[in-house]
All heavy atoms as atom14 arrays in JSON, in Angstrom:
{
  "sequence": "ANRGILEMQEMLKIDTKFLYHLLSLTQEGNFKAGRFALISADEVVIA",
  "atom14_mask": [
    [1, 1, 1, 1, 1, 0, 0, 0, 0, 0, 0, 0, 0, 0],
    [1, 1, 1, 1, 1, 1, 1, 1, 0, 0, 0, 0, 0, 0],
    [1, 1, 1, 1, 1, 1, 1, 1, 1, 1, 1, 0, 0, 0],
    [1, 1, 1, 1, 0, 0, 0, 0, 0, 0, 0, 0, 0, 0],
    [1, 1, 1, 1, 1, 1, 1, 1, 0, 0, 0, 0, 0, 0],
    [1, 1, 1, 1, 1, 1, 1, 1, 0, 0, 0, 0, 0, 0],
    [1, 1, 1, 1, 1, 1, 1, 1, 1, 0, 0, 0, 0, 0],
    [1, 1, 1, 1, 1, 1, 1, 1, 0, 0, 0, 0, 0, 0],
    [1, 1, 1, 1, 1, 1, 1, 1, 1, 0, 0, 0, 0, 0],
    [1, 1, 1, 1, 1, 1, 1, 1, 1, 0, 0, 0, 0, 0],
    [1, 1, 1, 1, 1, 1, 1, 1, 0, 0, 0, 0, 0, 0],
    [1, 1, 1, 1, 1, 1, 1, 1, 0, 0, 0, 0, 0, 0],
    [1, 1, 1, 1, 1, 1, 1, 1, 1, 0, 0, 0, 0, 0],
    [1, 1, 1, 1, 1, 1, 1, 1, 0, 0, 0, 0, 0, 0],
    [1, 1, 1, 1, 1, 1, 1, 1, 0, 0, 0, 0, 0, 0],
    [1, 1, 1, 1, 1, 1, 1, 0, 0, 0, 0, 0, 0, 0],
    [1, 1, 1, 1, 1, 1, 1, 1, 1, 0, 0, 0, 0, 0],
    [1, 1, 1, 1, 1, 1, 1, 1, 1, 1, 1, 0, 0, 0],
    [1, 1, 1, 1, 1, 1, 1, 1, 0, 0, 0, 0, 0, 0],
    [1, 1, 1, 1, 1, 1, 1, 1, 1, 1, 1, 1, 0, 0],
    [1, 1, 1, 1, 1, 1, 1, 1, 1, 1, 0, 0, 0, 0],
    [1, 1, 1, 1, 1, 1, 1, 1, 0, 0, 0, 0, 0, 0],
    [1, 1, 1, 1, 1, 1, 1, 1, 0, 0, 0, 0, 0, 0],
    [1, 1, 1, 1, 1, 1, 0, 0, 0, 0, 0, 0, 0, 0],
    [1, 1, 1, 1, 1, 1, 1, 1, 0, 0, 0, 0, 0, 0],
    [1, 1, 1, 1, 1, 1, 1, 0, 0, 0, 0, 0, 0, 0],
    [1, 1, 1, 1, 1, 1, 1, 1, 1, 0, 0, 0, 0, 0],
    [1, 1, 1, 1, 1, 1, 1, 1, 1, 0, 0, 0, 0, 0],
    [1, 1, 1, 1, 0, 0, 0, 0, 0, 0, 0, 0, 0, 0],
    [1, 1, 1, 1, 1, 1, 1, 1, 0, 0, 0, 0, 0, 0],
    [1, 1, 1, 1, 1, 1, 1, 1, 1, 1, 1, 0, 0, 0],
    [1, 1, 1, 1, 1, 1, 1, 1, 1, 0, 0, 0, 0, 0],
    [1, 1, 1, 1, 1, 0, 0, 0, 0, 0, 0, 0, 0, 0],
    [1, 1, 1, 1, 0, 0, 0, 0, 0, 0, 0, 0, 0, 0],
    [1, 1, 1, 1, 1, 1, 1, 1, 1, 1, 1, 0, 0, 0],
    [1, 1, 1, 1, 1, 1, 1, 1, 1, 1, 1, 0, 0, 0],
    [1, 1, 1, 1, 1, 0, 0, 0, 0, 0, 0, 0, 0, 0],
    [1, 1, 1, 1, 1, 1, 1, 1, 0, 0, 0, 0, 0, 0],
    [1, 1, 1, 1, 1, 1, 1, 1, 0, 0, 0, 0, 0, 0],
    [1, 1, 1, 1, 1, 1, 0, 0, 0, 0, 0, 0, 0, 0],
    [1, 1, 1, 1, 1, 0, 0, 0, 0, 0, 0, 0, 0, 0],
    [1, 1, 1, 1, 1, 1, 1, 1, 0, 0, 0, 0, 0, 0],
    [1, 1, 1, 1, 1, 1, 1, 1, 1, 0, 0, 0, 0, 0],
    [1, 1, 1, 1, 1, 1, 1, 0, 0, 0, 0, 0, 0, 0],
    [1, 1, 1, 1, 1, 1, 1, 0, 0, 0, 0, 0, 0, 0],
    [1, 1, 1, 1, 1, 1, 1, 1, 0, 0, 0, 0, 0, 0],
    [1, 1, 1, 1, 1, 0, 0, 0, 0, 0, 0, 0, 0, 0]
  ],
  "atom14_positions": [
    [[2.56, -19.8, 40.6], [2.9, -21.14, 40.0], [1.74, -21.51, 39.07], [1.75, -22.58, 38.48], [3.01, -22.21, 41.13], [0.0, 0.0, 0.0], [0.0, 0.0, 0.0], [0.0, 0.0, 0.0], [0.0, 0.0, 0.0], [0.0, 0.0, 0.0], [0.0, 0.0, 0.0], [0.0, 0.0, 0.0], [0.0, 0.0, 0.0], [0.0, 0.0, 0.0]],
    [[0.69, -20.71, 38.99], [-0.43, -21.02, 38.09], [-0.02, -21.26, 36.63], [0.86, -20.64, 36.18], [-1.34, -19.76, 38.01], [-2.63, -20.08, 37.29], [-3.25, -21.21, 37.45], [-3.23, -19.07, 36.52], [0.0, 0.0, 0.0], [0.0, 0.0, 0.0], [0.0, 0.0, 0.0], [0.0, 0.0, 0.0], [0.0, 0.0, 0.0], [0.0, 0.0, 0.0]],
    [[-0.6, -22.42, 36.15], [-0.32, -22.97, 34.79], [0.98, -23.72, 34.7], [1.34, -24.06, 33.65], [-0.49, -21.87, 33.75], [-1.85, -21.13, 33.78], [-1.99, -20.11, 32.66], [-2.04, -20.72, 31.33], [-1.87, -20.06, 30.3], [-1.67, -18.83, 30.33], [-2.04, -20.77, 29.12], [0.0, 0.0, 0.0], [0.0, 0.0, 0.0], [0.0, 0.0, 0.0]],
    [[1.72, -23.83, 35.81], [2.96, -24.49, 35.78], [3.18, -25.48, 36.95], [2.24, -26.32, 37.19], [0.0, 0.0, 0.0], [0.0, 0.0, 0.0], [0.0, 0.0, 0.0], [0.0, 0.0, 0.0], [0.0, 0.0, 0.0], [0.0, 0.0, 0.0], [0.0, 0.0, 0.0], [0.0, 0.0, 0.0], [0.0, 0.0, 0.0], [0.0, 0.0, 0.0]],
    [[4.27, -25.34, 37.6], [4.56, -26.29, 38.66], [4.68, -25.59, 40.06], [5.43, -24.57, 40.11], [5.89, -27.0, 38.35], [5.74, -28.01, 37.13], [6.48, -27.81, 39.56], [6.93, -28.7, 36.78], [0.0, 0.0, 0.0], [0.0, 0.0, 0.0], [0.0, 0.0, 0.0], [0.0, 0.0, 0.0], [0.0, 0.0, 0.0], [0.0, 0.0, 0.0]],
    [[4.22, -26.11, 41.02], [4.45, -25.67, 42.4], [5.25, -26.79, 43.14], [4.67, -27.84, 43.35], [3.1, -25.42, 43.17], [3.28, -24.99, 44.65], [4.17, -23.79, 44.9], [1.92, -24.83, 45.27], [0.0, 0.0, 0.0], [0.0, 0.0, 0.0], [0.0, 0.0, 0.0], [0.0, 0.0, 0.0], [0.0, 0.0, 0.0], [0.0, 0.0, 0.0]],
    [[6.38, -26.42, 43.65], [7.14, -27.47, 44.47], [6.85, -27.2, 45.88], [7.19, -26.09, 46.34], [8.7, -27.35, 44.06], [9.54, -28.28, 44.94], [10.98, -28.08, 44.77], [11.45, -27.18, 44.04], [11.76, -28.97, 45.34], [0.0, 0.0, 0.0], [0.0, 0.0, 0.0], [0.0, 0.0, 0.0], [0.0, 0.0, 0.0], [0.0, 0.0, 0.0]],
    [[6.45, -28.2, 46.65], [6.42, -28.13, 48.07], [7.47, -28.89, 48.73], [7.54, -30.17, 48.82], [5.07, -28.71, 48.5], [3.79, -28.04, 47.89], [3.47, -26.33, 48.36], [2.9, -26.64, 50.07], [0.0, 0.0, 0.0], [0.0, 0.0, 0.0], [0.0, 0.0, 0.0], [0.0, 0.0, 0.0], [0.0, 0.0, 0.0], [0.0, 0.0, 0.0]],
    [[8.54, -28.16, 49.13], [9.8, -28.84, 49.61], [9.56, -29.3, 51.03], [8.93, -28.53, 51.88], [10.86, -27.74, 49.66], [11.41, -27.37, 48.32], [12.53, -26.37, 48.36], [12.82, -25.79, 49.41], [13.27, -26.25, 47.24], [0.0, 0.0, 0.0], [0.0, 0.0, 0.0], [0.0, 0.0, 0.0], [0.0, 0.0, 0.0], [0.0, 0.0, 0.0]],
    [[9.93, -30.54, 51.32], [9.72, -31.23, 52.63], [8.33, -30.99, 53.06], [8.1, -30.41, 54.14], [10.79, -30.6, 53.69], [12.21, -30.95, 53.26], [12.58, -32.34, 53.17], [11.79, -33.23, 53.75], [13.52, -32.71, 52.43], [0.0, 0.0, 0.0], [0.0, 0.0, 0.0], [0.0, 0.0, 0.0], [0.0, 0.0, 0.0], [0.0, 0.0, 0.0]],
    [[7.39, -31.26, 52.25], [5.95, -30.95, 52.37], [5.42, -31.4, 53.81], [4.69, -30.64, 54.41], [5.12, -31.53, 51.27], [3.72, -31.41, 51.5], [2.7, -31.98, 50.18], [1.2, -32.49, 50.93], [0.0, 0.0, 0.0], [0.0, 0.0, 0.0], [0.0, 0.0, 0.0], [0.0, 0.0, 0.0], [0.0, 0.0, 0.0], [0.0, 0.0, 0.0]],
    [[5.77, -32.45, 54.3], [5.2, -33.04, 55.55], [5.77, -32.32, 56.77], [5.3, -32.76, 57.81], [5.39, -34.54, 55.56], [4.81, -35.36, 54.4], [4.85, -36.93, 54.61], [3.34, -34.89, 54.12], [0.0, 0.0, 0.0], [0.0, 0.0, 0.0], [0.0, 0.0, 0.0], [0.0, 0.0, 0.0], [0.0, 0.0, 0.0], [0.0, 0.0, 0.0]],
    [[6.72, -31.58, 56.51], [7.21, -30.7, 57.68], [6.4, -29.3, 57.81], [6.6, -28.66, 58.82], [8.72, -30.33, 57.51], [9.67, -31.6, 57.67], [11.07, -31.06, 57.47], [11.95, -32.33, 57.53], [13.44, -32.01, 57.27], [0.0, 0.0, 0.0], [0.0, 0.0, 0.0], [0.0, 0.0, 0.0], [0.0, 0.0, 0.0], [0.0, 0.0, 0.0]],
    [[5.54, -29.11, 56.88], [4.81, -27.85, 56.76], [3.59, -27.87, 57.72], [3.03, -29.14, 57.81], [4.38, -27.51, 55.38], [5.63, -27.35, 54.41], [3.57, -26.3, 55.29], [5.42, -27.24, 52.96], [0.0, 0.0, 0.0], [0.0, 0.0, 0.0], [0.0, 0.0, 0.0], [0.0, 0.0, 0.0], [0.0, 0.0, 0.0], [0.0, 0.0, 0.0]],
    [[3.35, -26.86, 58.41], [2.13, -26.74, 59.26], [0.85, -27.22, 58.42], [0.71, -26.77, 57.27], [2.01, -25.48, 59.81], [0.99, -25.46, 61.0], [-0.25, -25.68, 60.71], [1.34, -25.04, 62.09], [0.0, 0.0, 0.0], [0.0, 0.0, 0.0], [0.0, 0.0, 0.0], [0.0, 0.0, 0.0], [0.0, 0.0, 0.0], [0.0, 0.0, 0.0]],
    [[0.02, -28.06, 59.01], [-1.12, -28.51, 58.25], [-2.1, -27.45, 57.87], [-2.79, -27.6, 56.89], [-1.96, -29.63, 59.23], [-2.21, -28.93, 60.46], [-1.18, -30.88, 59.37], [0.0, 0.0, 0.0], [0.0, 0.0, 0.0], [0.0, 0.0, 0.0], [0.0, 0.0, 0.0], [0.0, 0.0, 0.0], [0.0, 0.0, 0.0], [0.0, 0.0, 0.0]],
    [[-2.09, -26.32, 58.49], [-3.05, -25.28, 58.1], [-2.7, -24.73, 56.7], [-3.58, -24.24, 56.01], [-3.06, -24.15, 59.16], [-1.63, -23.34, 59.06], [-1.82, -22.16, 60.15], [-0.48, -21.38, 60.17], [-0.48, -20.26, 61.22], [0.0, 0.0, 0.0], [0.0, 0.0, 0.0], [0.0, 0.0, 0.0], [0.0, 0.0, 0.0], [0.0, 0.0, 0.0]],
    [[-1.35, -24.89, 56.33], [-1.04, -24.52, 54.95], [-1.42, -25.62, 53.89], [-1.83, -25.4, 52.95], [0.52, -24.37, 54.79], [1.03, -23.19, 55.7], [1.3, -23.24, 56.88], [1.06, -21.94, 55.04], [1.75, -22.18, 57.73], [1.56, -20.81, 55.69], [1.9, -20.93, 56.96], [0.0, 0.0, 0.0], [0.0, 0.0, 0.0], [0.0, 0.0, 0.0]],
    [[-1.3, -26.87, 54.44], [-1.63, -28.02, 53.49], [-3.03, -28.1, 53.16], [-3.39, -28.48, 52.03], [-1.14, -29.36, 54.21], [0.35, -29.41, 54.47], [0.59, -30.8, 55.2], [1.11, -29.3, 53.31], [0.0, 0.0, 0.0], [0.0, 0.0, 0.0], [0.0, 0.0, 0.0], [0.0, 0.0, 0.0], [0.0, 0.0, 0.0], [0.0, 0.0, 0.0]],
    [[-3.88, -27.68, 54.01], [-5.31, -27.76, 53.68], [-5.78, -26.83, 52.6], [-6.82, -26.97, 51.92], [-6.2, -27.54, 54.93], [-6.32, -28.85, 55.73], [-5.54, -29.0, 56.88], [-7.12, -29.88, 55.4], [-5.64, -30.21, 57.62], [-7.15, -31.09, 56.12], [-6.39, -31.18, 57.22], [-6.47, -32.33, 57.97], [0.0, 0.0, 0.0], [0.0, 0.0, 0.0]],
    [[-5.0, -25.82, 52.25], [-5.37, -24.86, 51.14], [-4.99, -25.71, 49.84], [-5.6, -25.32, 48.79], [-4.34, -23.75, 51.1], [-4.96, -22.61, 52.0], [-5.71, -21.62, 51.42], [-4.66, -22.33, 53.27], [-5.98, -20.75, 52.38], [-5.48, -21.17, 53.48], [0.0, 0.0, 0.0], [0.0, 0.0, 0.0], [0.0, 0.0, 0.0], [0.0, 0.0, 0.0]],
    [[-4.28, -26.81, 49.89], [-3.95, -27.6, 48.76], [-5.22, -28.55, 48.41], [-5.29, -29.1, 47.33], [-2.7, -28.46, 48.9], [-1.38, -27.59, 49.23], [-0.3, -28.66, 49.35], [-1.17, -26.69, 48.07], [0.0, 0.0, 0.0], [0.0, 0.0, 0.0], [0.0, 0.0, 0.0], [0.0, 0.0, 0.0], [0.0, 0.0, 0.0], [0.0, 0.0, 0.0]],
    [[-6.0, -28.82, 49.45], [-7.06, -29.68, 49.16], [-8.04, -29.1, 48.07], [-8.5, -29.91, 47.09], [-7.91, -29.95, 50.49], [-7.28, -30.74, 51.55], [-8.13, -30.87, 52.73], [-6.98, -32.17, 51.05], [0.0, 0.0, 0.0], [0.0, 0.0, 0.0], [0.0, 0.0, 0.0], [0.0, 0.0, 0.0], [0.0, 0.0, 0.0], [0.0, 0.0, 0.0]],
    [[-8.4, -27.94, 48.34], [-9.34, -27.21, 47.3], [-8.63, -27.09, 45.99], [-9.3, -27.28, 44.91], [-9.91, -25.94, 47.85], [-10.66, -25.25, 46.93], [0.0, 0.0, 0.0], [0.0, 0.0, 0.0], [0.0, 0.0, 0.0], [0.0, 0.0, 0.0], [0.0, 0.0, 0.0], [0.0, 0.0, 0.0], [0.0, 0.0, 0.0], [0.0, 0.0, 0.0]],
    [[-7.3, -26.76, 45.96], [-6.65, -26.51, 44.81], [-6.57, -27.74, 43.96], [-6.91, -27.73, 42.68], [-5.22, -26.09, 45.11], [-4.31, -25.98, 43.95], [-4.73, -24.84, 43.04], [-2.79, -25.76, 44.42], [0.0, 0.0, 0.0], [0.0, 0.0, 0.0], [0.0, 0.0, 0.0], [0.0, 0.0, 0.0], [0.0, 0.0, 0.0], [0.0, 0.0, 0.0]],
    [[-6.29, -28.97, 44.6], [-6.1, -30.2, 43.81], [-7.45, -30.75, 43.4], [-7.63, -31.21, 42.31], [-5.33, -31.18, 44.55], [-5.99, -31.37, 45.92], [-3.83, -30.86, 44.77], [0.0, 0.0, 0.0], [0.0, 0.0, 0.0], [0.0, 0.0, 0.0], [0.0, 0.0, 0.0], [0.0, 0.0, 0.0], [0.0, 0.0, 0.0], [0.0, 0.0, 0.0]],
    [[-8.46, -30.78, 44.29], [-9.67, -31.38, 43.94], [-10.59, -30.53, 43.06], [-11.22, -31.03, 42.19], [-10.38, -31.7, 45.3], [-11.58, -32.52, 45.12], [-11.2, -33.94, 44.73], [-10.11, -34.5, 45.08], [-12.06, -34.69, 43.98], [0.0, 0.0, 0.0], [0.0, 0.0, 0.0], [0.0, 0.0, 0.0], [0.0, 0.0, 0.0], [0.0, 0.0, 0.0]],
    [[-10.68, -29.23, 43.34], [-11.65, -28.3, 42.65], [-11.0, -27.4, 41.75], [-11.64, -26.69, 40.89], [-12.52, -27.53, 43.62], [-13.14, -28.4, 44.57], [-14.17, -29.29, 43.94], [-14.62, -29.14, 42.88], [-14.39, -30.45, 44.66], [0.0, 0.0, 0.0], [0.0, 0.0, 0.0], [0.0, 0.0, 0.0], [0.0, 0.0, 0.0], [0.0, 0.0, 0.0]],
    [[-9.59, -27.31, 41.76], [-8.86, -26.34, 40.93], [-8.96, -24.88, 41.34], [-8.98, -23.99, 40.51], [0.0, 0.0, 0.0], [0.0, 0.0, 0.0], [0.0, 0.0, 0.0], [0.0, 0.0, 0.0], [0.0, 0.0, 0.0], [0.0, 0.0, 0.0], [0.0, 0.0, 0.0], [0.0, 0.0, 0.0], [0.0, 0.0, 0.0], [0.0, 0.0, 0.0]],
    [[-9.16, -24.63, 42.63], [-9.26, -23.29, 43.04], [-8.8, -23.17, 44.55], [-8.59, -24.25, 45.23], [-10.68, -22.76, 42.97], [-11.71, -23.71, 43.46], [-11.59, -24.14, 44.7], [-12.75, -23.84, 42.86], [0.0, 0.0, 0.0], [0.0, 0.0, 0.0], [0.0, 0.0, 0.0], [0.0, 0.0, 0.0], [0.0, 0.0, 0.0], [0.0, 0.0, 0.0]],
    [[-8.58, -22.03, 45.11], [-8.29, -21.76, 46.4], [-8.77, -20.49, 46.93], [-9.22, -19.6, 46.15], [-6.71, -21.75, 46.49], [-6.11, -20.73, 45.91], [-5.71, -19.45, 46.54], [-5.59, -20.79, 44.56], [-4.99, -18.45, 45.89], [-4.92, -19.74, 43.82], [-4.72, -18.63, 44.49], [0.0, 0.0, 0.0], [0.0, 0.0, 0.0], [0.0, 0.0, 0.0]],
    [[-8.82, -20.31, 48.23], [-9.32, -19.06, 48.86], [-8.26, -18.13, 49.16], [-7.26, -18.67, 49.84], [-10.27, -19.44, 50.0], [-10.9, -18.32, 50.63], [-12.21, -18.05, 49.96], [-13.06, -17.11, 50.66], [-13.03, -15.67, 50.12], [0.0, 0.0, 0.0], [0.0, 0.0, 0.0], [0.0, 0.0, 0.0], [0.0, 0.0, 0.0], [0.0, 0.0, 0.0]],
    [[-8.37, -16.81, 48.8], [-7.47, -15.82, 49.29], [-8.17, -14.6, 49.53], [-9.09, -14.14, 48.79], [-6.48, -15.59, 48.05], [0.0, 0.0, 0.0], [0.0, 0.0, 0.0], [0.0, 0.0, 0.0], [0.0, 0.0, 0.0], [0.0, 0.0, 0.0], [0.0, 0.0, 0.0], [0.0, 0.0, 0.0], [0.0, 0.0, 0.0], [0.0, 0.0, 0.0]],
    [[-7.96, -14.01, 50.74], [-8.49, -12.68, 51.16], [-10.0, -12.74, 51.07], [-10.63, -13.76, 51.33], [0.0, 0.0, 0.0], [0.0, 0.0, 0.0], [0.0, 0.0, 0.0], [0.0, 0.0, 0.0], [0.0, 0.0, 0.0], [0.0, 0.0, 0.0], [0.0, 0.0, 0.0], [0.0, 0.0, 0.0], [0.0, 0.0, 0.0], [0.0, 0.0, 0.0]],
    [[-10.62, -11.53, 50.77], [-12.13, -11.52, 50.64], [-12.53, -11.5, 49.27], [-13.3, -10.63, 48.77], [-12.56, -10.05, 51.38], [-12.12, -10.13, 52.79], [-12.63, -8.95, 53.57], [-12.22, -9.0, 54.94], [-12.52, -7.85, 55.77], [-13.21, -6.86, 55.37], [-12.27, -8.02, 57.04], [0.0, 0.0, 0.0], [0.0, 0.0, 0.0], [0.0, 0.0, 0.0]],
    [[-12.1, -12.52, 48.61], [-12.44, -12.89, 47.14], [-13.16, -14.19, 47.08], [-13.03, -14.95, 47.97], [-11.15, -12.7, 46.24], [-10.42, -11.5, 46.36], [-9.37, -11.33, 47.03], [-10.95, -10.33, 45.61], [-8.63, -10.15, 47.03], [-10.17, -9.24, 45.7], [-9.16, -9.15, 46.33], [0.0, 0.0, 0.0], [0.0, 0.0, 0.0], [0.0, 0.0, 0.0]],
    [[-13.85, -14.3, 45.98], [-14.45, -15.6, 45.57], [-13.3, -16.54, 45.41], [-12.14, -16.13, 45.31], [-15.36, -15.46, 44.35], [0.0, 0.0, 0.0], [0.0, 0.0, 0.0], [0.0, 0.0, 0.0], [0.0, 0.0, 0.0], [0.0, 0.0, 0.0], [0.0, 0.0, 0.0], [0.0, 0.0, 0.0], [0.0, 0.0, 0.0], [0.0, 0.0, 0.0]],
    [[-13.61, -17.89, 45.36], [-12.49, -18.85, 44.97], [-11.77, -18.54, 43.72], [-12.45, -18.14, 42.76], [-13.2, -20.28, 44.89], [-13.75, -20.88, 46.15], [-14.46, -22.14, 45.91], [-12.62, -21.01, 47.21], [0.0, 0.0, 0.0], [0.0, 0.0, 0.0], [0.0, 0.0, 0.0], [0.0, 0.0, 0.0], [0.0, 0.0, 0.0], [0.0, 0.0, 0.0]],
    [[-10.45, -18.6, 43.84], [-9.54, -18.12, 42.68], [-9.16, -19.47, 41.9], [-8.65, -20.4, 42.58], [-8.42, -17.37, 43.17], [-8.86, -16.14, 43.88], [-7.48, -17.03, 42.12], [-7.66, -15.33, 44.53], [0.0, 0.0, 0.0], [0.0, 0.0, 0.0], [0.0, 0.0, 0.0], [0.0, 0.0, 0.0], [0.0, 0.0, 0.0], [0.0, 0.0, 0.0]],
    [[-9.37, -19.45, 40.72], [-8.96, -20.59, 39.86], [-7.46, -20.65, 39.66], [-6.87, -19.74, 39.52], [-9.6, -20.64, 38.51], [-11.15, -20.61, 38.53], [0.0, 0.0, 0.0], [0.0, 0.0, 0.0], [0.0, 0.0, 0.0], [0.0, 0.0, 0.0], [0.0, 0.0, 0.0], [0.0, 0.0, 0.0], [0.0, 0.0, 0.0], [0.0, 0.0, 0.0]],
    [[-6.99, -21.93, 39.65], [-5.58, -22.16, 39.47], [-5.34, -23.52, 38.97], [-6.07, -24.51, 39.31], [-4.78, -22.01, 40.75], [0.0, 0.0, 0.0], [0.0, 0.0, 0.0], [0.0, 0.0, 0.0], [0.0, 0.0, 0.0], [0.0, 0.0, 0.0], [0.0, 0.0, 0.0], [0.0, 0.0, 0.0], [0.0, 0.0, 0.0], [0.0, 0.0, 0.0]],
    [[-4.48, -23.65, 37.94], [-4.18, -24.91, 37.3], [-2.66, -25.22, 37.39], [-1.94, -24.51, 36.74], [-4.57, -24.81, 35.74], [-4.07, -26.0, 34.92], [-4.01, -27.06, 35.58], [-3.74, -25.74, 33.78], [0.0, 0.0, 0.0], [0.0, 0.0, 0.0], [0.0, 0.0, 0.0], [0.0, 0.0, 0.0], [0.0, 0.0, 0.0], [0.0, 0.0, 0.0]],
    [[-2.33, -26.02, 38.31], [-0.89, -26.23, 38.48], [-0.61, -27.6, 38.93], [-1.36, -28.27, 39.62], [-0.25, -25.22, 39.49], [-1.06, -25.06, 40.81], [-0.9, -23.64, 41.47], [-1.39, -22.68, 41.03], [0.03, -23.68, 42.38], [0.0, 0.0, 0.0], [0.0, 0.0, 0.0], [0.0, 0.0, 0.0], [0.0, 0.0, 0.0], [0.0, 0.0, 0.0]],
    [[0.63, -28.07, 38.69], [1.06, -29.4, 39.06], [1.76, -29.31, 40.4], [2.71, -28.47, 40.55], [2.02, -29.99, 38.08], [2.55, -31.35, 38.52], [1.42, -30.23, 36.64], [0.0, 0.0, 0.0], [0.0, 0.0, 0.0], [0.0, 0.0, 0.0], [0.0, 0.0, 0.0], [0.0, 0.0, 0.0], [0.0, 0.0, 0.0], [0.0, 0.0, 0.0]],
    [[1.2, -29.84, 41.5], [1.73, -29.67, 42.82], [2.61, -30.9, 43.15], [2.1, -32.05, 43.1], [0.66, -29.61, 43.85], [1.38, -29.43, 45.27], [-0.19, -28.39, 43.67], [0.0, 0.0, 0.0], [0.0, 0.0, 0.0], [0.0, 0.0, 0.0], [0.0, 0.0, 0.0], [0.0, 0.0, 0.0], [0.0, 0.0, 0.0], [0.0, 0.0, 0.0]],
    [[3.96, -30.75, 43.18], [4.89, -31.75, 43.41], [5.51, -31.49, 44.81], [6.12, -30.48, 45.04], [5.94, -31.88, 42.33], [5.4, -31.86, 40.93], [6.89, -33.03, 42.59], [6.38, -31.84, 39.77], [0.0, 0.0, 0.0], [0.0, 0.0, 0.0], [0.0, 0.0, 0.0], [0.0, 0.0, 0.0], [0.0, 0.0, 0.0], [0.0, 0.0, 0.0]],
    [[5.43, -32.48, 45.64], [6.02, -32.42, 47.01], [7.03, -33.63, 47.14], [7.05, -34.55, 46.42], [4.94, -32.61, 48.02], [0.0, 0.0, 0.0], [0.0, 0.0, 0.0], [0.0, 0.0, 0.0], [0.0, 0.0, 0.0], [0.0, 0.0, 0.0], [0.0, 0.0, 0.0], [0.0, 0.0, 0.0], [0.0, 0.0, 0.0], [0.0, 0.0, 0.0]]
  ]
}
């Protein structure tokens, strides 16, 4: 979804461990994946 739109369907039904990945994405524009440094992403998250 980078550079576009990420739809989170029925977001509040999702386990919170998934939601906390969105904290870094929305606030800092990056997220953690595997054994890499933080990965930049620019996307509109709509739930």
